[in-house]
Amino acid sequence: MARPARTAARDAAPGPVRTAPAAPDAVTAFLADGSSATRTRSRTRPRTRSLAEPTAPRTAARVRAVAPRAEGLGDARLAAHRPPFGPAGDKARRVEAADGEARARFGAAAAQPAAGLGVA
């Protein structure tokens, strides 16, 4: 097959527009055991700036849950007592709030445990 003859118009044309090749989006998660997991997703078309570009890594990650982890905690026996969550904890928090208000209004001796009063 013969090559087409070059024309002045064709030589003057800038040629095809160059775009960056399709690049994968990658998200790396560092796991609790020290390892890492990477998810990648290749784009179907060459990369261009669009509104969807900032959300692409989040879409590639597909995070279903996040669990917080506490590190470097002290001994539990040395921690201050905190009421638990739930109905029992709600009651304990209300009692603590009333005790704090009474002590603030009437002094430190205003609220004491009933066992210390000598009432049987």
PDB file of N, CA and C in Angstrom:
ATOM      1  N   MET A   1       0.853  -1.170   0.000  1.00  0.00           N
ATOM      2  CA  MET A   1       0.000   0.000   0.000  1.00  0.00           C
ATOM      3  C   MET A   1       0.898   1.230   0.000  1.00  0.00           C
ATOM      4  N   ALA A   2       0.591   2.176  -0.821  1.00  0.00           N
ATOM      5  CA  ALA A   2       1.407   3.375  -0.980  1.00  0.00           C
ATOM      6  C   ALA A   2       1.069   4.386   0.096  1.00  0.00           C
ATOM      7  N   ARG A   3       2.090   5.106   0.528  1.00  0.00           N
ATOM      8  CA  ARG A   3       1.871   6.137   1.529  1.00  0.00           C
ATOM      9  C   ARG A   3       1.268   7.351   0.854  1.00  0.00           C
ATOM     10  N   PRO A   4       0.357   8.051   1.567  1.00  0.00           N
ATOM     11  CA  PRO A   4      -0.229   9.245   0.957  1.00  0.00           C
ATOM     12  C   PRO A   4       0.820  10.345   0.826  1.00  0.00           C
ATOM     13  N   ALA A   5       0.650  11.144  -0.184  1.00  0.00           N
ATOM     14  CA  ALA A   5       1.578  12.250  -0.415  1.00  0.00           C
ATOM     15  C   ALA A   5       1.367  13.307   0.658  1.00  0.00           C
ATOM     16  N   ARG A   6       2.453  13.932   1.058  1.00  0.00           N
ATOM     17  CA  ARG A   6       2.353  14.973   2.075  1.00  0.00           C
ATOM     18  C   ARG A   6       1.862  16.247   1.426  1.00  0.00           C
ATOM     19  N   THR A   7       1.012  16.916   2.161  1.00  0.00           N
ATOM     20  CA  THR A   7       0.514  18.200   1.672  1.00  0.00           C
ATOM     21  C   THR A   7       0.914  19.275   2.657  1.00  0.00           C
ATOM     22  N   ALA A   8       0.883  20.508   2.222  1.00  0.00           N
ATOM     23  CA  ALA A   8       1.258  21.629   3.087  1.00  0.00           C
ATOM     24  C   ALA A   8       0.295  21.754   4.250  1.00  0.00           C
ATOM     25  N   ALA A   9      -0.991  21.513   3.995  1.00  0.00           N
ATOM     26  CA  ALA A   9      -1.994  21.628   5.059  1.00  0.00           C
ATOM     27  C   ALA A   9      -1.760  20.570   6.131  1.00  0.00           C
ATOM     28  N   ARG A  10      -1.415  19.372   5.687  1.00  0.00           N
ATOM     29  CA  ARG A  10      -1.210  18.293   6.650  1.00  0.00           C
ATOM     30  C   ARG A  10       0.057  18.534   7.467  1.00  0.00           C
ATOM     31  N   ASP A  11       1.109  19.063   6.850  1.00  0.00           N
ATOM     32  CA  ASP A  11       2.350  19.335   7.567  1.00  0.00           C
ATOM     33  C   ASP A  11       2.182  20.470   8.566  1.00  0.00           C
ATOM     34  N   ALA A  12       1.281  21.404   8.297  1.00  0.00           N
ATOM     35  CA  ALA A  12       1.078  22.546   9.178  1.00  0.00           C
ATOM     36  C   ALA A  12       0.250  22.183  10.401  1.00  0.00           C
ATOM     37  N   ALA A  13      -0.498  21.106  10.314  1.00  0.00           N
ATOM     38  CA  ALA A  13      -1.352  20.711  11.443  1.00  0.00           C
ATOM     39  C   ALA A  13      -0.474  20.295  12.624  1.00  0.00           C
ATOM     40  N   PRO A  14      -0.868  20.635  13.835  1.00  0.00           N
ATOM     41  CA  PRO A  14      -0.038  20.328  14.990  1.00  0.00           C
ATOM     42  C   PRO A  14       0.033  18.848  15.304  1.00  0.00           C
ATOM     43  N   GLY A  15      -0.820  18.052  14.766  1.00  0.00           N
ATOM     44  CA  GLY A  15      -0.808  16.628  15.050  1.00  0.00           C
ATOM     45  C   GLY A  15      -1.800  16.298  16.152  1.00  0.00           C
ATOM     46  N   PRO A  16      -1.820  15.060  16.553  1.00  0.00           N
ATOM     47  CA  PRO A  16      -2.787  14.664  17.573  1.00  0.00           C
ATOM     48  C   PRO A  16      -2.458  15.307  18.924  1.00  0.00           C
ATOM     49  N   VAL A  17      -3.485  15.557  19.688  1.00  0.00           N
ATOM     50  CA  VAL A  17      -3.311  16.126  21.027  1.00  0.00           C
ATOM     51  C   VAL A  17      -2.799  15.020  21.939  1.00  0.00           C
ATOM     52  N   ARG A  18      -1.739  15.302  22.655  1.00  0.00           N
ATOM     53  CA  ARG A  18      -1.170  14.295  23.549  1.00  0.00           C
ATOM     54  C   ARG A  18      -1.821  14.395  24.922  1.00  0.00           C
ATOM     55  N   THR A  19      -2.150  13.274  25.457  1.00  0.00           N
ATOM     56  CA  THR A  19      -2.684  13.212  26.818  1.00  0.00           C
ATOM     57  C   THR A  19      -1.848  12.214  27.602  1.00  0.00           C
ATOM     58  N   ALA A  20      -1.928  12.323  28.881  1.00  0.00           N
ATOM     59  CA  ALA A  20      -1.196  11.377  29.727  1.00  0.00           C
ATOM     60  C   ALA A  20      -1.812  10.000  29.562  1.00  0.00           C
ATOM     61  N   PRO A  21      -1.015   8.960  29.625  1.00  0.00           N
ATOM     62  CA  PRO A  21      -1.576   7.618  29.499  1.00  0.00           C
ATOM     63  C   PRO A  21      -2.493   7.308  30.672  1.00  0.00           C
ATOM     64  N   ALA A  22      -3.331   6.325  30.467  1.00  0.00           N
ATOM     65  CA  ALA A  22      -4.251   5.931  31.531  1.00  0.00           C
ATOM     66  C   ALA A  22      -3.436   5.480  32.736  1.00  0.00           C
ATOM     67  N   ALA A  23      -3.644   6.134  33.853  1.00  0.00           N
ATOM     68  CA  ALA A  23      -2.879   5.827  35.063  1.00  0.00           C
ATOM     69  C   ALA A  23      -3.805   5.211  36.097  1.00  0.00           C
ATOM     70  N   PRO A  24      -3.323   4.225  36.832  1.00  0.00           N
ATOM     71  CA  PRO A  24      -4.180   3.634  37.859  1.00  0.00           C
ATOM     72  C   PRO A  24      -4.279   4.540  39.080  1.00  0.00           C
ATOM     73  N   ASP A  25      -5.429   4.502  39.719  1.00  0.00           N
ATOM     74  CA  ASP A  25      -5.595   5.171  41.003  1.00  0.00           C
ATOM     75  C   ASP A  25      -5.205   4.145  42.053  1.00  0.00           C
ATOM     76  N   ALA A  26      -4.436   4.551  43.003  1.00  0.00           N
ATOM     77  CA  ALA A  26      -3.976   3.612  44.023  1.00  0.00           C
ATOM     78  C   ALA A  26      -4.239   4.184  45.406  1.00  0.00           C
ATOM     79  N   VAL A  27      -4.705   3.334  46.296  1.00  0.00           N
ATOM     80  CA  VAL A  27      -4.912   3.685  47.694  1.00  0.00           C
ATOM     81  C   VAL A  27      -4.208   2.618  48.520  1.00  0.00           C
ATOM     82  N   THR A  28      -3.358   3.056  49.427  1.00  0.00           N
ATOM     83  CA  THR A  28      -2.637   2.119  50.283  1.00  0.00           C
ATOM     84  C   THR A  28      -3.116   2.295  51.711  1.00  0.00           C
ATOM     85  N   ALA A  29      -3.483   1.188  52.351  1.00  0.00           N
ATOM     86  CA  ALA A  29      -3.914   1.193  53.750  1.00  0.00           C
ATOM     87  C   ALA A  29      -2.866   0.450  54.562  1.00  0.00           C
ATOM     88  N   PHE A  30      -2.448   1.047  55.662  1.00  0.00           N
ATOM     89  CA  PHE A  30      -1.490   0.404  56.551  1.00  0.00           C
ATOM     90  C   PHE A  30      -2.277  -0.287  57.656  1.00  0.00           C
ATOM     91  N   LEU A  31      -2.099  -1.583  57.789  1.00  0.00           N
ATOM     92  CA  LEU A  31      -2.896  -2.399  58.689  1.00  0.00           C
ATOM     93  C   LEU A  31      -2.258  -2.491  60.070  1.00  0.00           C
ATOM     94  N   ALA A  32      -3.046  -2.973  61.039  1.00  0.00           N
ATOM     95  CA  ALA A  32      -2.616  -3.020  62.433  1.00  0.00           C
ATOM     96  C   ALA A  32      -1.412  -3.930  62.644  1.00  0.00           C
ATOM     97  N   ASP A  33      -1.277  -4.970  61.851  1.00  0.00           N
ATOM     98  CA  ASP A  33      -0.153  -5.886  62.034  1.00  0.00           C
ATOM     99  C   ASP A  33       1.130  -5.402  61.370  1.00  0.00           C
ATOM    100  N   GLY A  34       1.123  -4.175  60.847  1.00  0.00           N
ATOM    101  CA  GLY A  34       2.315  -3.604  60.235  1.00  0.00           C
ATOM    102  C   GLY A  34       2.394  -3.799  58.734  1.00  0.00           C
ATOM    103  N   SER A  35       1.538  -4.636  58.170  1.00  0.00           N
ATOM    104  CA  SER A  35       1.551  -4.836  56.723  1.00  0.00           C
ATOM    105  C   SER A  35       0.724  -3.745  56.048  1.00  0.00           C
ATOM    106  N   SER A  36       0.719  -3.751  54.735  1.00  0.00           N
ATOM    107  CA  SER A  36      -0.066  -2.766  54.000  1.00  0.00           C
ATOM    108  C   SER A  36      -0.820  -3.464  52.880  1.00  0.00           C
ATOM    109  N   ALA A  37      -1.932  -2.880  52.505  1.00  0.00           N
ATOM    110  CA  ALA A  37      -2.744  -3.397  51.408  1.00  0.00           C
ATOM    111  C   ALA A  37      -2.976  -2.258  50.427  1.00  0.00           C
ATOM    112  N   THR A  38      -2.807  -2.537  49.147  1.00  0.00           N
ATOM    113  CA  THR A  38      -2.976  -1.515  48.121  1.00  0.00           C
ATOM    114  C   THR A  38      -4.067  -1.944  47.167  1.00  0.00           C
ATOM    115  N   ARG A  39      -4.954  -1.029  46.867  1.00  0.00           N
ATOM    116  CA  ARG A  39      -5.994  -1.267  45.863  1.00  0.00           C
ATOM    117  C   ARG A  39      -5.739  -0.319  44.711  1.00  0.00           C
ATOM    118  N   THR A  40      -5.814  -0.842  43.512  1.00  0.00           N
ATOM    119  CA  THR A  40      -5.630   0.004  42.335  1.00  0.00           C
ATOM    120  C   THR A  40      -6.818  -0.164  41.405  1.00  0.00           C
ATOM    121  N   ARG A  41      -7.033   0.861  40.628  1.00  0.00           N
ATOM    122  CA  ARG A  41      -8.103   0.813  39.636  1.00  0.00           C
ATOM    123  C   ARG A  41      -7.585   1.555  38.413  1.00  0.00           C
ATOM    124  N   SER A  42      -7.549   0.888  37.270  1.00  0.00           N
ATOM    125  CA  SER A  42      -7.092   1.535  36.047  1.00  0.00           C
ATOM    126  C   SER A  42      -8.230   2.318  35.432  1.00  0.00           C
ATOM    127  N   ARG A  43      -7.881   3.446  34.888  1.00  0.00           N
ATOM    128  CA  ARG A  43      -8.891   4.264  34.219  1.00  0.00           C
ATOM    129  C   ARG A  43      -9.145   3.703  32.829  1.00  0.00           C
ATOM    130  N   THR A  44     -10.351   3.870  32.368  1.00  0.00           N
ATOM    131  CA  THR A  44     -10.692   3.360  31.047  1.00  0.00           C
ATOM    132  C   THR A  44     -10.257   4.310  29.947  1.00  0.00           C
ATOM    133  N   ARG A  45     -10.132   5.585  30.257  1.00  0.00           N
ATOM    134  CA  ARG A  45      -9.727   6.573  29.262  1.00  0.00           C
ATOM    135  C   ARG A  45      -8.509   7.322  29.768  1.00  0.00           C
ATOM    136  N   PRO A  46      -7.819   8.030  28.875  1.00  0.00           N
ATOM    137  CA  PRO A  46      -6.693   8.843  29.337  1.00  0.00           C
ATOM    138  C   PRO A  46      -7.147   9.852  30.378  1.00  0.00           C
ATOM    139  N   ARG A  47      -6.242  10.189  31.243  1.00  0.00           N
ATOM    140  CA  ARG A  47      -6.554  11.055  32.367  1.00  0.00           C
ATOM    141  C   ARG A  47      -6.736  12.502  31.918  1.00  0.00           C
ATOM    142  N   THR A  48      -7.817  13.091  32.330  1.00  0.00           N
ATOM    143  CA  THR A  48      -8.070  14.513  32.117  1.00  0.00           C
ATOM    144  C   THR A  48      -8.599  15.075  33.414  1.00  0.00           C
ATOM    145  N   ARG A  49      -8.528  16.350  33.567  1.00  0.00           N
ATOM    146  CA  ARG A  49      -9.055  16.953  34.793  1.00  0.00           C
ATOM    147  C   ARG A  49     -10.573  16.957  34.728  1.00  0.00           C
ATOM    148  N   SER A  50     -11.168  16.485  35.796  1.00  0.00           N
ATOM    149  CA  SER A  50     -12.625  16.457  35.858  1.00  0.00           C
ATOM    150  C   SER A  50     -13.052  16.586  37.310  1.00  0.00           C
ATOM    151  N   LEU A  51     -14.339  16.733  37.525  1.00  0.00           N
ATOM    152  CA  LEU A  51     -14.862  16.828  38.888  1.00  0.00           C
ATOM    153  C   LEU A  51     -14.777  15.494  39.614  1.00  0.00           C
ATOM    154  N   ALA A  52     -14.762  14.399  38.862  1.00  0.00           N
ATOM    155  CA  ALA A  52     -14.723  13.080  39.489  1.00  0.00           C
ATOM    156  C   ALA A  52     -13.319  12.706  39.953  1.00  0.00           C
ATOM    157  N   GLU A  53     -12.299  13.424  39.523  1.00  0.00           N
ATOM    158  CA  GLU A  53     -10.925  13.057  39.850  1.00  0.00           C
ATOM    159  C   GLU A  53     -10.625  13.066  41.344  1.00  0.00           C
ATOM    160  N   PRO A  54     -11.049  14.064  42.117  1.00  0.00           N
ATOM    161  CA  PRO A  54     -10.734  14.027  43.552  1.00  0.00           C
ATOM    162  C   PRO A  54     -11.397  12.875  44.300  1.00  0.00           C
ATOM    163  N   THR A  55     -12.506  12.356  43.813  1.00  0.00           N
ATOM    164  CA  THR A  55     -13.204  11.279  44.516  1.00  0.00           C
ATOM    165  C   THR A  55     -12.749   9.901  44.068  1.00  0.00           C
ATOM    166  N   ALA A  56     -11.918   9.817  43.047  1.00  0.00           N
ATOM    167  CA  ALA A  56     -11.504   8.514  42.524  1.00  0.00           C
ATOM    168  C   ALA A  56     -10.773   7.660  43.558  1.00  0.00           C
ATOM    169  N   PRO A  57      -9.822   8.186  44.335  1.00  0.00           N
ATOM    170  CA  PRO A  57      -9.166   7.320  45.324  1.00  0.00           C
ATOM    171  C   PRO A  57     -10.128   6.769  46.370  1.00  0.00           C
ATOM    172  N   ARG A  58     -11.094   7.580  46.793  1.00  0.00           N
ATOM    173  CA  ARG A  58     -12.067   7.069  47.769  1.00  0.00           C
ATOM    174  C   ARG A  58     -12.920   5.970  47.159  1.00  0.00           C
ATOM    175  N   THR A  59     -13.246   6.100  45.882  1.00  0.00           N
ATOM    176  CA  THR A  59     -14.025   5.066  45.213  1.00  0.00           C
ATOM    177  C   THR A  59     -13.198   3.797  45.088  1.00  0.00           C
ATOM    178  N   ALA A  60     -11.919   3.937  44.808  1.00  0.00           N
ATOM    179  CA  ALA A  60     -11.057   2.767  44.665  1.00  0.00           C
ATOM    180  C   ALA A  60     -10.874   2.055  45.999  1.00  0.00           C
ATOM    181  N   ALA A  61     -10.882   2.793  47.086  1.00  0.00           N
ATOM    182  CA  ALA A  61     -10.634   2.191  48.396  1.00  0.00           C
ATOM    183  C   ALA A  61     -11.804   1.342  48.860  1.00  0.00           C
ATOM    184  N   ARG A  62     -13.007   1.786  48.650  1.00  0.00           N
ATOM    185  CA  ARG A  62     -14.214   1.096  49.103  1.00  0.00           C
ATOM    186  C   ARG A  62     -14.108   0.710  50.576  1.00  0.00           C
ATOM    187  N   VAL A  63     -13.891   1.685  51.415  1.00  0.00           N
ATOM    188  CA  VAL A  63     -13.777   1.443  52.852  1.00  0.00           C
ATOM    189  C   VAL A  63     -15.160   1.143  53.401  1.00  0.00           C
ATOM    190  N   ARG A  64     -15.280   0.027  54.085  1.00  0.00           N
ATOM    191  CA  ARG A  64     -16.572  -0.369  54.635  1.00  0.00           C
ATOM    192  C   ARG A  64     -16.687  -0.066  56.123  1.00  0.00           C
ATOM    193  N   ALA A  65     -15.567   0.002  56.825  1.00  0.00           N
ATOM    194  CA  ALA A  65     -15.613   0.264  58.264  1.00  0.00           C
ATOM    195  C   ALA A  65     -14.277   0.826  58.726  1.00  0.00           C
ATOM    196  N   VAL A  66     -14.340   1.616  59.762  1.00  0.00           N
ATOM    197  CA  VAL A  66     -13.142   2.154  60.391  1.00  0.00           C
ATOM    198  C   VAL A  66     -13.233   1.820  61.868  1.00  0.00           C
ATOM    199  N   ALA A  67     -12.199   1.205  62.403  1.00  0.00           N
ATOM    200  CA  ALA A  67     -12.187   0.838  63.817  1.00  0.00           C
ATOM    201  C   ALA A  67     -11.021   1.543  64.498  1.00  0.00           C
ATOM    202  N   PRO A  68     -11.305   2.397  65.475  1.00  0.00           N
ATOM    203  CA  PRO A  68     -10.208   3.061  66.180  1.00  0.00           C
ATOM    204  C   PRO A  68      -9.462   2.080  67.075  1.00  0.00           C
ATOM    205  N   ARG A  69      -8.192   2.344  67.272  1.00  0.00           N
ATOM    206  CA  ARG A  69      -7.373   1.472  68.109  1.00  0.00           C
ATOM    207  C   ARG A  69      -6.569   2.343  69.065  1.00  0.00           C
ATOM    208  N   ALA A  70      -6.569   1.982  70.327  1.00  0.00           N
ATOM    209  CA  ALA A  70      -5.821   2.733  71.337  1.00  0.00           C
ATOM    210  C   ALA A  70      -4.499   2.027  71.586  1.00  0.00           C
ATOM    211  N   GLU A  71      -3.424   2.805  71.575  1.00  0.00           N
ATOM    212  CA  GLU A  71      -2.100   2.247  71.816  1.00  0.00           C
ATOM    213  C   GLU A  71      -1.469   2.927  73.019  1.00  0.00           C
ATOM    214  N   GLY A  72      -0.629   2.216  73.711  1.00  0.00           N
ATOM    215  CA  GLY A  72       0.109   2.791  74.824  1.00  0.00           C
ATOM    216  C   GLY A  72      -0.753   3.126  76.026  1.00  0.00           C
ATOM    217  N   LEU A  73      -1.773   2.330  76.283  1.00  0.00           N
ATOM    218  CA  LEU A  73      -2.643   2.578  77.427  1.00  0.00           C
ATOM    219  C   LEU A  73      -1.961   2.149  78.716  1.00  0.00           C
ATOM    220  N   GLY A  74      -2.320   2.810  79.789  1.00  0.00           N
ATOM    221  CA  GLY A  74      -1.791   2.446  81.098  1.00  0.00           C
ATOM    222  C   GLY A  74      -2.557   1.267  81.675  1.00  0.00           C
ATOM    223  N   ASP A  75      -2.153   0.863  82.869  1.00  0.00           N
ATOM    224  CA  ASP A  75      -2.801  -0.248  83.552  1.00  0.00           C
ATOM    225  C   ASP A  75      -4.239   0.130  83.903  1.00  0.00           C
ATOM    226  N   ALA A  76      -5.184  -0.752  83.637  1.00  0.00           N
ATOM    227  CA  ALA A  76      -6.601  -0.475  83.879  1.00  0.00           C
ATOM    228  C   ALA A  76      -6.892  -0.284  85.367  1.00  0.00           C
ATOM    229  N   ARG A  77      -6.104  -0.930  86.245  1.00  0.00           N
ATOM    230  CA  ARG A  77      -6.344  -0.785  87.683  1.00  0.00           C
ATOM    231  C   ARG A  77      -6.035   0.622  88.176  1.00  0.00           C
ATOM    232  N   LEU A  78      -5.190   1.348  87.447  1.00  0.00           N
ATOM    233  CA  LEU A  78      -4.814   2.697  87.860  1.00  0.00           C
ATOM    234  C   LEU A  78      -5.734   3.770  87.273  1.00  0.00           C
ATOM    235  N   ALA A  79      -6.649   3.381  86.414  1.00  0.00           N
ATOM    236  CA  ALA A  79      -7.541   4.344  85.767  1.00  0.00           C
ATOM    237  C   ALA A  79      -8.667   4.745  86.716  1.00  0.00           C
ATOM    238  N   ALA A  80      -9.172   5.966  86.554  1.00  0.00           N
ATOM    239  CA  ALA A  80     -10.312   6.427  87.353  1.00  0.00           C
ATOM    240  C   ALA A  80     -11.561   5.681  86.904  1.00  0.00           C
ATOM    241  N   HIS A  81     -12.467   5.456  87.834  1.00  0.00           N
ATOM    242  CA  HIS A  81     -13.704   4.752  87.497  1.00  0.00           C
ATOM    243  C   HIS A  81     -14.611   5.654  86.677  1.00  0.00           C
ATOM    244  N   ARG A  82     -15.128   5.122  85.589  1.00  0.00           N
ATOM    245  CA  ARG A  82     -16.091   5.850  84.763  1.00  0.00           C
ATOM    246  C   ARG A  82     -17.337   4.990  84.640  1.00  0.00           C
ATOM    247  N   PRO A  83     -18.513   5.583  84.765  1.00  0.00           N
ATOM    248  CA  PRO A  83     -19.744   4.804  84.620  1.00  0.00           C
ATOM    249  C   PRO A  83     -19.852   4.210  83.215  1.00  0.00           C
ATOM    250  N   PRO A  84     -20.417   3.026  83.109  1.00  0.00           N
ATOM    251  CA  PRO A  84     -20.555   2.395  81.790  1.00  0.00           C
ATOM    252  C   PRO A  84     -21.639   3.082  80.962  1.00  0.00           C
ATOM    253  N   PHE A  85     -21.649   2.785  79.669  1.00  0.00           N
ATOM    254  CA  PHE A  85     -22.720   3.287  78.813  1.00  0.00           C
ATOM    255  C   PHE A  85     -23.955   2.427  79.019  1.00  0.00           C
ATOM    256  N   GLY A  86     -25.126   3.005  78.836  1.00  0.00           N
ATOM    257  CA  GLY A  86     -26.370   2.271  79.006  1.00  0.00           C
ATOM    258  C   GLY A  86     -27.189   2.863  80.139  1.00  0.00           C
ATOM    259  N   PRO A  87     -28.317   2.231  80.474  1.00  0.00           N
ATOM    260  CA  PRO A  87     -29.208   2.759  81.516  1.00  0.00           C
ATOM    261  C   PRO A  87     -28.539   2.859  82.888  1.00  0.00           C
ATOM    262  N   ALA A  88     -27.733   1.877  83.264  1.00  0.00           N
ATOM    263  CA  ALA A  88     -27.069   1.925  84.569  1.00  0.00           C
ATOM    264  C   ALA A  88     -26.070   3.080  84.611  1.00  0.00           C
ATOM    265  N   GLY A  89     -25.390   3.303  83.525  1.00  0.00           N
ATOM    266  CA  GLY A  89     -24.440   4.406  83.459  1.00  0.00           C
ATOM    267  C   GLY A  89     -25.130   5.753  83.473  1.00  0.00           C
ATOM    268  N   ASP A  90     -26.303   5.839  82.835  1.00  0.00           N
ATOM    269  CA  ASP A  90     -27.064   7.093  82.846  1.00  0.00           C
ATOM    270  C   ASP A  90     -27.451   7.472  84.276  1.00  0.00           C
ATOM    271  N   LYS A  91     -27.906   6.480  85.043  1.00  0.00           N
ATOM    272  CA  LYS A  91     -28.289   6.746  86.427  1.00  0.00           C
ATOM    273  C   LYS A  91     -27.067   7.183  87.238  1.00  0.00           C
ATOM    274  N   ALA A  92     -25.946   6.505  87.041  1.00  0.00           N
ATOM    275  CA  ALA A  92     -24.730   6.862  87.776  1.00  0.00           C
ATOM    276  C   ALA A  92     -24.268   8.274  87.415  1.00  0.00           C
ATOM    277  N   ARG A  93     -24.384   8.659  86.156  1.00  0.00           N
ATOM    278  CA  ARG A  93     -23.995  10.019  85.755  1.00  0.00           C
ATOM    279  C   ARG A  93     -24.922  11.067  86.361  1.00  0.00           C
ATOM    280  N   ARG A  94     -26.225  10.763  86.462  1.00  0.00           N
ATOM    281  CA  ARG A  94     -27.166  11.705  87.091  1.00  0.00           C
ATOM    282  C   ARG A  94     -26.848  11.871  88.576  1.00  0.00           C
ATOM    283  N   VAL A  95     -26.522  10.762  89.250  1.00  0.00           N
ATOM    284  CA  VAL A  95     -26.161  10.826  90.670  1.00  0.00           C
ATOM    285  C   VAL A  95     -24.881  11.638  90.851  1.00  0.00           C
ATOM    286  N   GLU A  96     -23.882  11.415  89.982  1.00  0.00           N
ATOM    287  CA  GLU A  96     -22.633  12.179  90.075  1.00  0.00           C
ATOM    288  C   GLU A  96     -22.875  13.664  89.846  1.00  0.00           C
ATOM    289  N   ALA A  97     -23.750  13.995  88.890  1.00  0.00           N
ATOM    290  CA  ALA A  97     -24.047  15.406  88.612  1.00  0.00           C
ATOM    291  C   ALA A  97     -24.736  16.056  89.808  1.00  0.00           C
ATOM    292  N   ALA A  98     -25.716  15.355  90.416  1.00  0.00           N
ATOM    293  CA  ALA A  98     -26.413  15.901  91.588  1.00  0.00           C
ATOM    294  C   ALA A  98     -25.447  16.051  92.763  1.00  0.00           C
ATOM    295  N   ASP A  99     -24.559  15.084  92.941  1.00  0.00           N
ATOM    296  CA  ASP A  99     -23.560  15.152  94.008  1.00  0.00           C
ATOM    297  C   ASP A  99     -22.632  16.349  93.799  1.00  0.00           C
ATOM    298  N   GLY A 100     -22.196  16.561  92.580  1.00  0.00           N
ATOM    299  CA  GLY A 100     -21.322  17.697  92.280  1.00  0.00           C
ATOM    300  C   GLY A 100     -22.003  19.030  92.509  1.00  0.00           C
ATOM    301  N   GLU A 101     -23.282  19.130  92.127  1.00  0.00           N
ATOM    302  CA  GLU A 101     -24.032  20.375  92.348  1.00  0.00           C
ATOM    303  C   GLU A 101     -24.210  20.651  93.839  1.00  0.00           C
ATOM    304  N   ALA A 102     -24.533  19.606  94.618  1.00  0.00           N
ATOM    305  CA  ALA A 102     -24.719  19.783  96.064  1.00  0.00           C
ATOM    306  C   ALA A 102     -23.415  20.211  96.735  1.00  0.00           C
ATOM    307  N   ARG A 103     -22.297  19.599  96.349  1.00  0.00           N
ATOM    308  CA  ARG A 103     -21.002  19.974  96.934  1.00  0.00           C
ATOM    309  C   ARG A 103     -20.611  21.397  96.546  1.00  0.00           C
ATOM    310  N   ALA A 104     -20.920  21.793  95.304  1.00  0.00           N
ATOM    311  CA  ALA A 104     -20.581  23.151  94.867  1.00  0.00           C
ATOM    312  C   ALA A 104     -21.426  24.190  95.595  1.00  0.00           C
ATOM    313  N   ARG A 105     -22.677  23.863  95.891  1.00  0.00           N
ATOM    314  CA  ARG A 105     -23.592  24.833  96.496  1.00  0.00           C
ATOM    315  C   ARG A 105     -23.463  24.892  98.015  1.00  0.00           C
ATOM    316  N   PHE A 106     -23.311  23.709  98.658  1.00  0.00           N
ATOM    317  CA  PHE A 106     -23.363  23.661 100.120  1.00  0.00           C
ATOM    318  C   PHE A 106     -22.049  23.254 100.782  1.00  0.00           C
ATOM    319  N   GLY A 107     -21.006  23.006 100.028  1.00  0.00           N
ATOM    320  CA  GLY A 107     -19.721  22.628 100.618  1.00  0.00           C
ATOM    321  C   GLY A 107     -19.412  21.154 100.431  1.00  0.00           C
ATOM    322  N   ALA A 108     -18.168  20.800 100.742  1.00  0.00           N
ATOM    323  CA  ALA A 108     -17.698  19.437 100.499  1.00  0.00           C
ATOM    324  C   ALA A 108     -18.403  18.397 101.363  1.00  0.00           C
ATOM    325  N   ALA A 109     -18.882  18.780 102.566  1.00  0.00           N
ATOM    326  CA  ALA A 109     -19.519  17.814 103.464  1.00  0.00           C
ATOM    327  C   ALA A 109     -21.008  17.660 103.197  1.00  0.00           C
ATOM    328  N   ALA A 110     -21.537  18.349 102.200  1.00  0.00           N
ATOM    329  CA  ALA A 110     -22.983  18.317 101.953  1.00  0.00           C
ATOM    330  C   ALA A 110     -23.457  16.962 101.456  1.00  0.00           C
ATOM    331  N   ALA A 111     -22.671  16.307 100.667  1.00  0.00           N
ATOM    332  CA  ALA A 111     -23.090  15.014 100.119  1.00  0.00           C
ATOM    333  C   ALA A 111     -22.098  13.959 100.578  1.00  0.00           C
ATOM    334  N   GLN A 112     -22.614  12.969 101.311  1.00  0.00           N
ATOM    335  CA  GLN A 112     -21.785  11.878 101.811  1.00  0.00           C
ATOM    336  C   GLN A 112     -22.529  10.576 101.599  1.00  0.00           C
ATOM    337  N   PRO A 113     -21.806   9.471 101.580  1.00  0.00           N
ATOM    338  CA  PRO A 113     -22.495   8.188 101.488  1.00  0.00           C
ATOM    339  C   PRO A 113     -23.369   7.966 102.725  1.00  0.00           C
ATOM    340  N   ALA A 114     -24.507   7.341 102.542  1.00  0.00           N
ATOM    341  CA  ALA A 114     -25.439   7.099 103.651  1.00  0.00           C
ATOM    342  C   ALA A 114     -24.819   6.194 104.712  1.00  0.00           C
ATOM    343  N   ALA A 115     -23.919   5.310 104.330  1.00  0.00           N
ATOM    344  CA  ALA A 115     -23.293   4.409 105.299  1.00  0.00           C
ATOM    345  C   ALA A 115     -22.447   5.182 106.305  1.00  0.00           C
ATOM    346  N   GLY A 116     -21.924   6.324 105.919  1.00  0.00           N
ATOM    347  CA  GLY A 116     -21.092   7.119 106.821  1.00  0.00           C
ATOM    348  C   GLY A 116     -21.897   7.909 107.835  1.00  0.00           C
ATOM    349  N   LEU A 117     -23.208   7.992 107.679  1.00  0.00           N
ATOM    350  CA  LEU A 117     -24.052   8.763 108.590  1.00  0.00           C
ATOM    351  C   LEU A 117     -24.472   7.963 109.815  1.00  0.00           C
ATOM    352  N   GLY A 118     -24.233   6.671 109.812  1.00  0.00           N
ATOM    353  CA  GLY A 118     -24.612   5.835 110.948  1.00  0.00           C
ATOM    354  C   GLY A 118     -26.088   5.470 110.940  1.00  0.00           C
ATOM    355  N   VAL A 119     -26.761   5.681 109.838  1.00  0.00           N
ATOM    356  CA  VAL A 119     -28.172   5.320 109.743  1.00  0.00           C
ATOM    357  C   VAL A 119     -28.252   3.875 109.277  1.00  0.00           C
ATOM    358  N   ALA A 120     -28.982   3.051 110.028  1.00  0.00           N
ATOM    359  CA  ALA A 120     -29.059   1.644 109.675  1.00  0.00           C
ATOM    360  C   ALA A 120     -30.234   1.343 108.801  1.00  0.00           C
TER     361      ALA A 120
END
